[in-house]
Amino acid sequence: MTATTDSARSSLEALRTEISKAVVGQDSAVTGLVVALLCRGHVLLEGVPGVAKTLLVRALAASLELDTKRVQFTPDLMPSDVTGSLVYDARTAEFSFQDGPVFTNLLLADEINRTPPKTQSSLLEAMEERQVTVDGTPRRLPDPFLVAATMNPVEYEGTYPLPEAQLDRFLLKLTVPLPSREDEIGVLTRHAAGFDPRDLHAAGIRPVAGARELEAARKAVEDTTVSPEIAAYVVDLCRATRESPSLTLGVSPRGATALLATSRAWAWLTGRDYVTPDDVKALALPTLRHRVQLRPEAEMEGVTADSVISAILTHVPVPR
């Protein structure tokens, strides 16, 4: 472990501490966001309204020395409102490109499932290729680039389920649950003491990491050792989802590479330069839950994607 690597890890640990100044009791979601930053991936946050999904991403933005923008997704939002468009300048009689909010380091796509699929799909190229094509001209997005999208459960009125192709572009799907009684008391205590979620600077959140620390951390994660046995374990888990009688769609090879990447990031965050089966298990649910599709009859019986994946984790042999 080099001094640079240790410094980068300390910066990202401090990032988690800063976010906790604003968000109470969502440690797994905070960790997931940090893992996504390390893997150059995107995050989907799902939960009922009022569980601090947006606040979580805003706190992450306030803790980073990176450019951030927010888009509130609505039924009338157009693709050009996200990507940008050509604007006619009457003085020069020419068209010029006006950047959309996607040209940033951290894009908060708030309530992404409240806009129709046409606008949802405007993010596909940006998320996968790190570029936007307007009028046949590709335009590169800044690096780093992360989409953090919040989503309400699809059973709520006025929402549009995300298509499978877009779900697969998200590295992680993090569920943001209702807080425990103790955590909810902590939330109310903070508000009673004057905490204002609209003013994170007053809450004491300061930038503790930037592009330089993030790049050093990413290089360290890439150097984390993955044994052939661990690679085979990841493949066996993903192949088992394709054979599950409860699923119509299993995890693709892209999902397998995603699980390997998130496992490496988690191993590095916990202070190791090699991946263990426990690292794979720790990230299996958030990495795979949105990449599988339940059979209707299984769904009617109360089976969930998480329960299927958990069962697979129990039955697939673990390498020693």
C-alpha atoms as a PDB file:
ATOM      1  CA  MET A   1       0.000   0.000   0.000  1.00  0.00           C
ATOM      2  CA  THR A   2       1.484   3.354  -1.012  1.00  0.00           C
ATOM      3  CA  ALA A   3       1.051   6.662   0.789  1.00  0.00           C
ATOM      4  CA  THR A   4      -1.004   7.943  -2.166  1.00  0.00           C
ATOM      5  CA  THR A   5      -3.341   4.969  -1.922  1.00  0.00           C
ATOM      6  CA  ASP A   6      -3.771   5.416   1.837  1.00  0.00           C
ATOM      7  CA  SER A   7      -4.464   9.133   1.343  1.00  0.00           C
ATOM      8  CA  ALA A   8      -7.093   8.406  -1.314  1.00  0.00           C
ATOM      9  CA  ARG A   9      -8.785   5.856   0.932  1.00  0.00           C
ATOM     10  CA  SER A  10      -8.800   8.326   3.824  1.00  0.00           C
ATOM     11  CA  SER A  11     -10.425  10.952   1.587  1.00  0.00           C
ATOM     12  CA  LEU A  12     -13.218   8.577   0.591  1.00  0.00           C
ATOM     13  CA  GLU A  13     -13.758   7.489   4.189  1.00  0.00           C
ATOM     14  CA  ALA A  14     -14.045  11.180   5.075  1.00  0.00           C
ATOM     15  CA  LEU A  15     -16.598  11.494   2.274  1.00  0.00           C
ATOM     16  CA  ARG A  16     -18.828   8.983   4.017  1.00  0.00           C
ATOM     17  CA  THR A  17     -18.434  10.910   7.281  1.00  0.00           C
ATOM     18  CA  GLU A  18     -19.411  14.213   5.647  1.00  0.00           C
ATOM     19  CA  ILE A  19     -22.560  12.738   4.114  1.00  0.00           C
ATOM     20  CA  SER A  20     -23.609  11.373   7.504  1.00  0.00           C
ATOM     21  CA  LYS A  21     -23.783  14.972   8.780  1.00  0.00           C
ATOM     22  CA  ALA A  22     -26.918  15.394   6.681  1.00  0.00           C
ATOM     23  CA  VAL A  23     -28.295  11.865   6.260  1.00  0.00           C
ATOM     24  CA  VAL A  24     -29.064   9.588   9.205  1.00  0.00           C
ATOM     25  CA  GLY A  25     -29.037   5.800   9.070  1.00  0.00           C
ATOM     26  CA  GLN A  26     -28.500   5.141   5.355  1.00  0.00           C
ATOM     27  CA  ASP A  27     -24.964   3.741   5.607  1.00  0.00           C
ATOM     28  CA  SER A  28     -25.421   1.086   2.903  1.00  0.00           C
ATOM     29  CA  ALA A  29     -26.681   3.663   0.393  1.00  0.00           C
ATOM     30  CA  VAL A  30     -23.771   5.981   1.206  1.00  0.00           C
ATOM     31  CA  THR A  31     -21.313   3.119   0.719  1.00  0.00           C
ATOM     32  CA  GLY A  32     -22.978   2.232  -2.577  1.00  0.00           C
ATOM     33  CA  LEU A  33     -22.513   5.770  -3.898  1.00  0.00           C
ATOM     34  CA  VAL A  34     -18.822   5.688  -2.982  1.00  0.00           C
ATOM     35  CA  VAL A  35     -18.416   2.288  -4.688  1.00  0.00           C
ATOM     36  CA  ALA A  36     -20.071   3.672  -7.838  1.00  0.00           C
ATOM     37  CA  LEU A  37     -17.654   6.615  -7.887  1.00  0.00           C
ATOM     38  CA  LEU A  38     -14.724   4.197  -7.703  1.00  0.00           C
ATOM     39  CA  CYS A  39     -16.120   2.023 -10.527  1.00  0.00           C
ATOM     40  CA  ARG A  40     -17.112   4.877 -12.872  1.00  0.00           C
ATOM     41  CA  GLY A  41     -20.676   3.602 -12.597  1.00  0.00           C
ATOM     42  CA  HIS A  42     -24.145   5.054 -12.135  1.00  0.00           C
ATOM     43  CA  VAL A  43     -26.567   4.598  -9.254  1.00  0.00           C
ATOM     44  CA  LEU A  44     -30.330   4.154  -9.040  1.00  0.00           C
ATOM     45  CA  LEU A  45     -31.830   5.001  -5.639  1.00  0.00           C
ATOM     46  CA  GLU A  46     -35.304   3.571  -5.024  1.00  0.00           C
ATOM     47  CA  GLY A  47     -37.541   4.352  -2.090  1.00  0.00           C
ATOM     48  CA  VAL A  48     -40.844   5.877  -1.082  1.00  0.00           C
ATOM     49  CA  PRO A  49     -41.058   9.686  -1.006  1.00  0.00           C
ATOM     50  CA  GLY A  50     -39.512  11.336   2.024  1.00  0.00           C
ATOM     51  CA  VAL A  51     -36.643   8.970   2.878  1.00  0.00           C
ATOM     52  CA  ALA A  52     -33.871  11.437   1.906  1.00  0.00           C
ATOM     53  CA  LYS A  53     -32.941  10.047  -1.529  1.00  0.00           C
ATOM     54  CA  THR A  54     -32.399  13.507  -3.012  1.00  0.00           C
ATOM     55  CA  LEU A  55     -30.728  14.782   0.154  1.00  0.00           C
ATOM     56  CA  LEU A  56     -28.316  11.847   0.021  1.00  0.00           C
ATOM     57  CA  VAL A  57     -27.126  12.760  -3.479  1.00  0.00           C
ATOM     58  CA  ARG A  58     -26.985  16.489  -2.661  1.00  0.00           C
ATOM     59  CA  ALA A  59     -24.850  15.701   0.393  1.00  0.00           C
ATOM     60  CA  LEU A  60     -22.523  13.626  -1.809  1.00  0.00           C
ATOM     61  CA  ALA A  61     -22.230  16.570  -4.211  1.00  0.00           C
ATOM     62  CA  ALA A  62     -21.488  18.994  -1.385  1.00  0.00           C
ATOM     63  CA  SER A  63     -18.727  16.671  -0.117  1.00  0.00           C
ATOM     64  CA  LEU A  64     -16.958  16.580  -3.493  1.00  0.00           C
ATOM     65  CA  GLU A  65     -15.000  19.260  -5.308  1.00  0.00           C
ATOM     66  CA  LEU A  66     -16.864  18.420  -8.504  1.00  0.00           C
ATOM     67  CA  ASP A  67     -19.362  20.206 -10.727  1.00  0.00           C
ATOM     68  CA  THR A  68     -22.931  19.063 -10.039  1.00  0.00           C
ATOM     69  CA  LYS A  69     -26.318  19.712 -11.625  1.00  0.00           C
ATOM     70  CA  ARG A  70     -29.853  18.592 -10.865  1.00  0.00           C
ATOM     71  CA  VAL A  71     -32.752  17.798 -13.201  1.00  0.00           C
ATOM     72  CA  GLN A  72     -36.278  17.321 -11.890  1.00  0.00           C
ATOM     73  CA  PHE A  73     -37.827  14.750 -14.224  1.00  0.00           C
ATOM     74  CA  THR A  74     -41.460  15.513 -15.089  1.00  0.00           C
ATOM     75  CA  PRO A  75     -43.947  14.125 -17.658  1.00  0.00           C
ATOM     76  CA  ASP A  76     -43.360  17.078 -19.999  1.00  0.00           C
ATOM     77  CA  LEU A  77     -39.533  17.009 -19.877  1.00  0.00           C
ATOM     78  CA  MET A  78     -37.993  16.713 -23.346  1.00  0.00           C
ATOM     79  CA  PRO A  79     -34.715  14.876 -24.231  1.00  0.00           C
ATOM     80  CA  SER A  80     -33.124  18.183 -25.288  1.00  0.00           C
ATOM     81  CA  ASP A  81     -33.834  19.537 -21.788  1.00  0.00           C
ATOM     82  CA  VAL A  82     -31.319  16.971 -20.535  1.00  0.00           C
ATOM     83  CA  THR A  83     -28.715  16.716 -23.304  1.00  0.00           C
ATOM     84  CA  GLY A  84     -28.755  20.247 -24.720  1.00  0.00           C
ATOM     85  CA  SER A  85     -29.752  21.539 -28.156  1.00  0.00           C
ATOM     86  CA  LEU A  86     -28.794  23.729 -31.079  1.00  0.00           C
ATOM     87  CA  VAL A  87     -29.869  27.339 -30.607  1.00  0.00           C
ATOM     88  CA  TYR A  88     -30.211  29.827 -33.466  1.00  0.00           C
ATOM     89  CA  ASP A  89     -28.355  33.105 -32.972  1.00  0.00           C
ATOM     90  CA  ALA A  90     -30.082  35.835 -35.017  1.00  0.00           C
ATOM     91  CA  ARG A  91     -27.035  38.105 -34.794  1.00  0.00           C
ATOM     92  CA  THR A  92     -24.653  35.652 -36.450  1.00  0.00           C
ATOM     93  CA  ALA A  93     -27.322  33.733 -38.416  1.00  0.00           C
ATOM     94  CA  GLU A  94     -25.739  30.498 -37.145  1.00  0.00           C
ATOM     95  CA  PHE A  95     -26.702  27.636 -34.864  1.00  0.00           C
ATOM     96  CA  SER A  96     -24.637  27.081 -31.713  1.00  0.00           C
ATOM     97  CA  PHE A  97     -24.815  24.220 -29.244  1.00  0.00           C
ATOM     98  CA  GLN A  98     -26.070  25.018 -25.775  1.00  0.00           C
ATOM     99  CA  ASP A  99     -24.985  22.493 -23.155  1.00  0.00           C
ATOM    100  CA  GLY A 100     -27.679  20.671 -21.234  1.00  0.00           C
ATOM    101  CA  PRO A 101     -27.376  19.772 -17.533  1.00  0.00           C
ATOM    102  CA  VAL A 102     -25.860  16.391 -18.491  1.00  0.00           C
ATOM    103  CA  PHE A 103     -22.550  18.207 -19.081  1.00  0.00           C
ATOM    104  CA  THR A 104     -21.401  17.953 -15.479  1.00  0.00           C
ATOM    105  CA  ASN A 105     -19.504  15.600 -13.163  1.00  0.00           C
ATOM    106  CA  LEU A 106     -22.407  14.541 -10.973  1.00  0.00           C
ATOM    107  CA  LEU A 107     -25.919  14.619 -12.424  1.00  0.00           C
ATOM    108  CA  LEU A 108     -28.824  14.220 -10.017  1.00  0.00           C
ATOM    109  CA  ALA A 109     -31.735  12.834 -12.047  1.00  0.00           C
ATOM    110  CA  ASP A 110     -34.535  13.370  -9.562  1.00  0.00           C
ATOM    111  CA  GLU A 111     -37.574  11.067  -9.855  1.00  0.00           C
ATOM    112  CA  ILE A 112     -36.373   9.650 -13.169  1.00  0.00           C
ATOM    113  CA  ASN A 113     -39.429   7.401 -13.491  1.00  0.00           C
ATOM    114  CA  ARG A 114     -41.811  10.379 -13.607  1.00  0.00           C
ATOM    115  CA  THR A 115     -40.840  11.111 -17.212  1.00  0.00           C
ATOM    116  CA  PRO A 116     -41.819   8.991 -20.253  1.00  0.00           C
ATOM    117  CA  PRO A 117     -39.360   6.431 -21.740  1.00  0.00           C
ATOM    118  CA  LYS A 118     -38.416   8.792 -24.599  1.00  0.00           C
ATOM    119  CA  THR A 119     -36.802  11.232 -22.175  1.00  0.00           C
ATOM    120  CA  GLN A 120     -35.457   8.468 -19.916  1.00  0.00           C
ATOM    121  CA  SER A 121     -33.620   7.028 -22.915  1.00  0.00           C
ATOM    122  CA  SER A 122     -31.913  10.376 -23.588  1.00  0.00           C
ATOM    123  CA  LEU A 123     -29.494   9.378 -20.829  1.00  0.00           C
ATOM    124  CA  LEU A 124     -28.563   6.011 -22.387  1.00  0.00           C
ATOM    125  CA  GLU A 125     -25.759   7.284 -24.607  1.00  0.00           C
ATOM    126  CA  ALA A 126     -24.461   9.599 -21.894  1.00  0.00           C
ATOM    127  CA  MET A 127     -24.335   6.804 -19.331  1.00  0.00           C
ATOM    128  CA  GLU A 128     -22.731   4.187 -21.581  1.00  0.00           C
ATOM    129  CA  GLU A 129     -20.532   6.163 -23.992  1.00  0.00           C
ATOM    130  CA  ARG A 130     -19.828   9.229 -21.817  1.00  0.00           C
ATOM    131  CA  GLN A 131     -20.894  11.404 -24.733  1.00  0.00           C
ATOM    132  CA  VAL A 132     -23.960  13.066 -26.246  1.00  0.00           C
ATOM    133  CA  THR A 133     -24.715  13.171 -29.984  1.00  0.00           C
ATOM    134  CA  VAL A 134     -26.677  16.210 -31.173  1.00  0.00           C
ATOM    135  CA  ASP A 135     -27.306  16.800 -34.890  1.00  0.00           C
ATOM    136  CA  GLY A 136     -24.830  14.043 -35.752  1.00  0.00           C
ATOM    137  CA  THR A 137     -21.966  15.562 -33.733  1.00  0.00           C
ATOM    138  CA  PRO A 138     -20.690  13.596 -30.699  1.00  0.00           C
ATOM    139  CA  ARG A 139     -19.758  15.751 -27.708  1.00  0.00           C
ATOM    140  CA  ARG A 140     -17.679  14.314 -24.864  1.00  0.00           C
ATOM    141  CA  LEU A 141     -18.872  14.610 -21.292  1.00  0.00           C
ATOM    142  CA  PRO A 142     -16.569  15.628 -18.432  1.00  0.00           C
ATOM    143  CA  ASP A 143     -14.622  13.035 -16.480  1.00  0.00           C
ATOM    144  CA  PRO A 144     -15.581  11.914 -13.882  1.00  0.00           C
ATOM    145  CA  PHE A 145     -19.248  11.571 -14.829  1.00  0.00           C
ATOM    146  CA  LEU A 146     -21.846   9.944 -12.589  1.00  0.00           C
ATOM    147  CA  VAL A 147     -25.633   9.785 -12.886  1.00  0.00           C
ATOM    148  CA  ALA A 148     -27.362   9.394  -9.545  1.00  0.00           C
ATOM    149  CA  ALA A 149     -31.049   8.834 -10.252  1.00  0.00           C
ATOM    150  CA  THR A 150     -33.817   8.675  -7.674  1.00  0.00           C
ATOM    151  CA  MET A 151     -36.949   6.642  -8.315  1.00  0.00           C
ATOM    152  CA  ASN A 152     -40.248   6.055  -6.571  1.00  0.00           C
ATOM    153  CA  PRO A 153     -41.628   2.498  -6.565  1.00  0.00           C
ATOM    154  CA  VAL A 154     -43.561   1.824  -9.775  1.00  0.00           C
ATOM    155  CA  GLU A 155     -46.845   1.154  -7.966  1.00  0.00           C
ATOM    156  CA  TYR A 156     -47.187   4.885  -7.310  1.00  0.00           C
ATOM    157  CA  GLU A 157     -49.413   6.830  -9.716  1.00  0.00           C
ATOM    158  CA  GLY A 158     -47.860   8.871 -12.513  1.00  0.00           C
ATOM    159  CA  THR A 159     -44.678   6.822 -12.888  1.00  0.00           C
ATOM    160  CA  TYR A 160     -43.160   5.007 -15.873  1.00  0.00           C
ATOM    161  CA  PRO A 161     -41.133   1.807 -15.315  1.00  0.00           C
ATOM    162  CA  LEU A 162     -37.578   2.107 -16.635  1.00  0.00           C
ATOM    163  CA  PRO A 163     -36.879  -0.128 -19.666  1.00  0.00           C
ATOM    164  CA  GLU A 164     -34.527  -3.074 -19.105  1.00  0.00           C
ATOM    165  CA  ALA A 165     -31.875  -1.573 -21.391  1.00  0.00           C
ATOM    166  CA  GLN A 166     -31.612   1.494 -19.190  1.00  0.00           C
ATOM    167  CA  LEU A 167     -31.765  -0.406 -15.905  1.00  0.00           C
ATOM    168  CA  ASP A 168     -28.777  -2.449 -17.079  1.00  0.00           C
ATOM    169  CA  ARG A 169     -26.755   0.770 -17.508  1.00  0.00           C
ATOM    170  CA  PHE A 170     -26.933   1.426 -13.766  1.00  0.00           C
ATOM    171  CA  LEU A 171     -24.065  -0.171 -11.883  1.00  0.00           C
ATOM    172  CA  LEU A 172     -26.033  -0.366  -8.639  1.00  0.00           C
ATOM    173  CA  LYS A 173     -29.644  -0.218  -7.563  1.00  0.00           C
ATOM    174  CA  LEU A 174     -29.777   0.877  -3.951  1.00  0.00           C
ATOM    175  CA  THR A 175     -32.969   0.609  -1.929  1.00  0.00           C
ATOM    176  CA  VAL A 176     -33.457   3.419   0.577  1.00  0.00           C
ATOM    177  CA  PRO A 177     -35.693   2.021   3.333  1.00  0.00           C
ATOM    178  CA  LEU A 178     -37.713   3.823   5.954  1.00  0.00           C
ATOM    179  CA  PRO A 179     -35.490   4.625   8.951  1.00  0.00           C
ATOM    180  CA  SER A 180     -35.577   2.710  12.210  1.00  0.00           C
ATOM    181  CA  ARG A 181     -37.291   4.314  15.207  1.00  0.00           C
ATOM    182  CA  GLU A 182     -33.955   5.428  16.653  1.00  0.00           C
ATOM    183  CA  ASP A 183     -32.791   6.913  13.348  1.00  0.00           C
ATOM    184  CA  GLU A 184     -36.097   8.723  12.863  1.00  0.00           C
ATOM    185  CA  ILE A 185     -35.775  10.228  16.332  1.00  0.00           C
ATOM    186  CA  GLY A 186     -32.266  11.338  15.316  1.00  0.00           C
ATOM    187  CA  VAL A 187     -33.678  13.018  12.191  1.00  0.00           C
ATOM    188  CA  LEU A 188     -36.282  14.932  14.199  1.00  0.00           C
ATOM    189  CA  THR A 189     -33.698  15.900  16.814  1.00  0.00           C
ATOM    190  CA  ARG A 190     -31.504  17.438  14.118  1.00  0.00           C
ATOM    191  CA  HIS A 191     -34.419  19.381  12.659  1.00  0.00           C
ATOM    192  CA  ALA A 192     -35.412  20.601  16.131  1.00  0.00           C
ATOM    193  CA  ALA A 193     -31.832  21.846  16.566  1.00  0.00           C
ATOM    194  CA  GLY A 194     -32.114  23.924  13.378  1.00  0.00           C
ATOM    195  CA  PHE A 195     -30.908  21.597  10.615  1.00  0.00           C
ATOM    196  CA  ASP A 196     -32.035  22.868   7.207  1.00  0.00           C
ATOM    197  CA  PRO A 197     -31.748  20.283   4.384  1.00  0.00           C
ATOM    198  CA  ARG A 198     -31.717  23.147   1.862  1.00  0.00           C
ATOM    199  CA  ASP A 199     -28.547  24.617   3.385  1.00  0.00           C
ATOM    200  CA  LEU A 200     -25.929  21.884   3.573  1.00  0.00           C
ATOM    201  CA  HIS A 201     -23.120  24.403   4.038  1.00  0.00           C
ATOM    202  CA  ALA A 202     -24.690  25.495   7.322  1.00  0.00           C
ATOM    203  CA  ALA A 203     -24.841  21.833   8.341  1.00  0.00           C
ATOM    204  CA  GLY A 204     -21.042  21.770   8.217  1.00  0.00           C
ATOM    205  CA  ILE A 205     -20.589  19.722   5.046  1.00  0.00           C
ATOM    206  CA  ARG A 206     -17.348  20.637   3.269  1.00  0.00           C
ATOM    207  CA  PRO A 207     -15.610  19.225   0.179  1.00  0.00           C
ATOM    208  CA  VAL A 208     -13.196  16.515   1.353  1.00  0.00           C
ATOM    209  CA  ALA A 209     -12.281  14.874  -1.965  1.00  0.00           C
ATOM    210  CA  GLY A 210     -11.898  15.899  -5.570  1.00  0.00           C
ATOM    211  CA  ALA A 211     -10.969  14.585  -8.992  1.00  0.00           C
ATOM    212  CA  ARG A 212      -7.321  13.989  -8.003  1.00  0.00           C
ATOM    213  CA  GLU A 213      -8.158  11.794  -5.000  1.00  0.00           C
ATOM    214  CA  LEU A 214     -10.827   9.993  -6.973  1.00  0.00           C
ATOM    215  CA  GLU A 215      -8.441   9.165  -9.819  1.00  0.00           C
ATOM    216  CA  ALA A 216      -5.809   7.850  -7.380  1.00  0.00           C
ATOM    217  CA  ALA A 217      -8.443   5.672  -5.706  1.00  0.00           C
ATOM    218  CA  ARG A 218      -9.670   4.293  -9.047  1.00  0.00           C
ATOM    219  CA  LYS A 219      -6.144   3.280 -10.024  1.00  0.00           C
ATOM    220  CA  ALA A 220      -5.686   1.533  -6.694  1.00  0.00           C
ATOM    221  CA  VAL A 221      -8.958  -0.369  -7.197  1.00  0.00           C
ATOM    222  CA  GLU A 222      -7.781  -1.501 -10.648  1.00  0.00           C
ATOM    223  CA  ASP A 223      -4.660  -2.951  -8.990  1.00  0.00           C
ATOM    224  CA  THR A 224      -6.726  -5.014  -6.546  1.00  0.00           C
ATOM    225  CA  THR A 225      -6.023  -8.711  -7.170  1.00  0.00           C
ATOM    226  CA  VAL A 226      -8.751 -11.016  -8.421  1.00  0.00           C
ATOM    227  CA  SER A 227      -7.883 -14.714  -8.295  1.00  0.00           C
ATOM    228  CA  PRO A 228      -9.160 -17.141 -10.955  1.00  0.00           C
ATOM    229  CA  GLU A 229     -11.295 -18.785  -8.260  1.00  0.00           C
ATOM    230  CA  ILE A 230     -13.060 -15.501  -7.455  1.00  0.00           C
ATOM    231  CA  ALA A 231     -13.663 -14.779 -11.153  1.00  0.00           C
ATOM    232  CA  ALA A 232     -15.170 -18.259 -11.545  1.00  0.00           C
ATOM    233  CA  TYR A 233     -17.349 -17.687  -8.451  1.00  0.00           C
ATOM    234  CA  VAL A 234     -18.769 -14.480  -9.957  1.00  0.00           C
ATOM    235  CA  VAL A 235     -19.516 -16.300 -13.219  1.00  0.00           C
ATOM    236  CA  ASP A 236     -21.179 -19.210 -11.389  1.00  0.00           C
ATOM    237  CA  LEU A 237     -23.448 -16.821  -9.466  1.00  0.00           C
ATOM    238  CA  CYS A 238     -24.532 -15.025 -12.620  1.00  0.00           C
ATOM    239  CA  ARG A 239     -25.066 -18.237 -14.580  1.00  0.00           C
ATOM    240  CA  ALA A 240     -27.214 -19.557 -11.733  1.00  0.00           C
ATOM    241  CA  THR A 241     -29.629 -16.645 -12.205  1.00  0.00           C
ATOM    242  CA  ARG A 242     -30.117 -17.684 -15.842  1.00  0.00           C
ATOM    243  CA  GLU A 243     -31.179 -21.157 -14.699  1.00  0.00           C
ATOM    244  CA  SER A 244     -33.491 -20.040 -11.888  1.00  0.00           C
ATOM    245  CA  PRO A 245     -37.104 -21.210 -12.378  1.00  0.00           C
ATOM    246  CA  SER A 246     -38.319 -17.961 -10.786  1.00  0.00           C
ATOM    247  CA  LEU A 247     -36.707 -15.714 -13.407  1.00  0.00           C
ATOM    248  CA  THR A 248     -37.449 -15.026 -17.057  1.00  0.00           C
ATOM    249  CA  LEU A 249     -34.265 -12.977 -17.399  1.00  0.00           C
ATOM    250  CA  GLY A 250     -30.964 -13.698 -15.686  1.00  0.00           C
ATOM    251  CA  VAL A 251     -27.808 -11.641 -15.282  1.00  0.00           C
ATOM    252  CA  SER A 252     -25.903 -10.889 -18.492  1.00  0.00           C
ATOM    253  CA  PRO A 253     -22.099 -10.946 -18.857  1.00  0.00           C
ATOM    254  CA  ARG A 254     -22.217  -7.167 -18.359  1.00  0.00           C
ATOM    255  CA  GLY A 255     -23.744  -7.835 -14.957  1.00  0.00           C
ATOM    256  CA  ALA A 256     -20.920 -10.262 -14.158  1.00  0.00           C
ATOM    257  CA  THR A 257     -18.276  -7.651 -14.969  1.00  0.00           C
ATOM    258  CA  ALA A 258     -20.200  -5.136 -12.848  1.00  0.00           C
ATOM    259  CA  LEU A 259     -20.209  -7.495  -9.862  1.00  0.00           C
ATOM    260  CA  LEU A 260     -16.489  -8.081 -10.242  1.00  0.00           C
ATOM    261  CA  ALA A 261     -15.866  -4.305 -10.362  1.00  0.00           C
ATOM    262  CA  THR A 262     -17.973  -3.484  -7.304  1.00  0.00           C
ATOM    263  CA  SER A 263     -16.399  -6.362  -5.339  1.00  0.00           C
ATOM    264  CA  ARG A 264     -12.930  -4.981  -6.081  1.00  0.00           C
ATOM    265  CA  ALA A 265     -13.971  -1.504  -4.976  1.00  0.00           C
ATOM    266  CA  TRP A 266     -15.429  -2.833  -1.721  1.00  0.00           C
ATOM    267  CA  ALA A 267     -12.311  -4.916  -1.055  1.00  0.00           C
ATOM    268  CA  TRP A 268     -10.120  -1.839  -1.513  1.00  0.00           C
ATOM    269  CA  LEU A 269     -12.361   0.325   0.680  1.00  0.00           C
ATOM    270  CA  THR A 270     -12.060  -2.208   3.493  1.00  0.00           C
ATOM    271  CA  GLY A 271      -8.266  -2.058   3.309  1.00  0.00           C
ATOM    272  CA  ARG A 272      -7.337  -5.118   1.256  1.00  0.00           C
ATOM    273  CA  ASP A 273      -5.580  -5.467  -2.108  1.00  0.00           C
ATOM    274  CA  TYR A 274      -7.335  -8.732  -2.985  1.00  0.00           C
ATOM    275  CA  VAL A 275     -10.977  -9.819  -3.380  1.00  0.00           C
ATOM    276  CA  THR A 276     -12.615 -12.467  -1.178  1.00  0.00           C
ATOM    277  CA  PRO A 277     -15.938 -14.322  -1.627  1.00  0.00           C
ATOM    278  CA  ASP A 278     -17.394 -12.166   1.150  1.00  0.00           C
ATOM    279  CA  ASP A 279     -16.739  -9.053  -0.962  1.00  0.00           C
ATOM    280  CA  VAL A 280     -18.715 -10.617  -3.811  1.00  0.00           C
ATOM    281  CA  LYS A 281     -21.571 -11.539  -1.472  1.00  0.00           C
ATOM    282  CA  ALA A 282     -21.651  -8.049   0.032  1.00  0.00           C
ATOM    283  CA  LEU A 283     -22.237  -6.388  -3.343  1.00  0.00           C
ATOM    284  CA  ALA A 284     -24.309  -9.087  -5.064  1.00  0.00           C
ATOM    285  CA  LEU A 285     -27.757  -7.705  -4.183  1.00  0.00           C
ATOM    286  CA  PRO A 286     -27.269  -4.043  -5.150  1.00  0.00           C
ATOM    287  CA  THR A 287     -25.327  -5.011  -8.295  1.00  0.00           C
ATOM    288  CA  LEU A 288     -27.672  -7.717  -9.583  1.00  0.00           C
ATOM    289  CA  ARG A 289     -31.207  -7.027  -8.297  1.00  0.00           C
ATOM    290  CA  HIS A 290     -32.146  -4.753 -11.224  1.00  0.00           C
ATOM    291  CA  ARG A 291     -30.599  -7.045 -13.856  1.00  0.00           C
ATOM    292  CA  VAL A 292     -33.034  -9.920 -13.361  1.00  0.00           C
ATOM    293  CA  GLN A 293     -36.710 -10.228 -14.251  1.00  0.00           C
ATOM    294  CA  LEU A 294     -39.209 -12.273 -12.260  1.00  0.00           C
ATOM    295  CA  ARG A 295     -41.743 -14.623 -13.796  1.00  0.00           C
ATOM    296  CA  PRO A 296     -45.295 -13.312 -13.251  1.00  0.00           C
ATOM    297  CA  GLU A 297     -46.322 -16.423 -11.324  1.00  0.00           C
ATOM    298  CA  ALA A 298     -43.308 -16.093  -8.997  1.00  0.00           C
ATOM    299  CA  GLU A 299     -44.134 -12.427  -8.415  1.00  0.00           C
ATOM    300  CA  MET A 300     -47.713 -13.353  -7.520  1.00  0.00           C
ATOM    301  CA  GLU A 301     -46.358 -15.788  -4.933  1.00  0.00           C
ATOM    302  CA  GLY A 302     -44.410 -12.998  -3.246  1.00  0.00           C
ATOM    303  CA  VAL A 303     -40.990 -13.899  -4.624  1.00  0.00           C
ATOM    304  CA  THR A 304     -38.633 -10.921  -5.035  1.00  0.00           C
ATOM    305  CA  ALA A 305     -35.414 -10.409  -6.966  1.00  0.00           C
ATOM    306  CA  ASP A 306     -33.560 -10.080  -3.660  1.00  0.00           C
ATOM    307  CA  SER A 307     -34.910 -13.379  -2.343  1.00  0.00           C
ATOM    308  CA  VAL A 308     -33.907 -15.215  -5.534  1.00  0.00           C
ATOM    309  CA  ILE A 309     -30.372 -13.795  -5.473  1.00  0.00           C
ATOM    310  CA  SER A 310     -30.046 -14.506  -1.739  1.00  0.00           C
ATOM    311  CA  ALA A 311     -31.026 -18.132  -2.349  1.00  0.00           C
ATOM    312  CA  ILE A 312     -28.467 -18.408  -5.139  1.00  0.00           C
ATOM    313  CA  LEU A 313     -25.776 -17.021  -2.834  1.00  0.00           C
ATOM    314  CA  THR A 314     -26.653 -19.777  -0.380  1.00  0.00           C
ATOM    315  CA  HIS A 315     -26.481 -22.635  -2.898  1.00  0.00           C
ATOM    316  CA  VAL A 316     -23.568 -21.766  -5.204  1.00  0.00           C
ATOM    317  CA  PRO A 317     -20.353 -23.315  -3.803  1.00  0.00           C
ATOM    318  CA  VAL A 318     -17.948 -20.773  -2.330  1.00  0.00           C
ATOM    319  CA  PRO A 319     -14.260 -21.090  -3.309  1.00  0.00           C
ATOM    320  CA  ARG A 320     -11.838 -21.744  -0.475  1.00  0.00           C
END
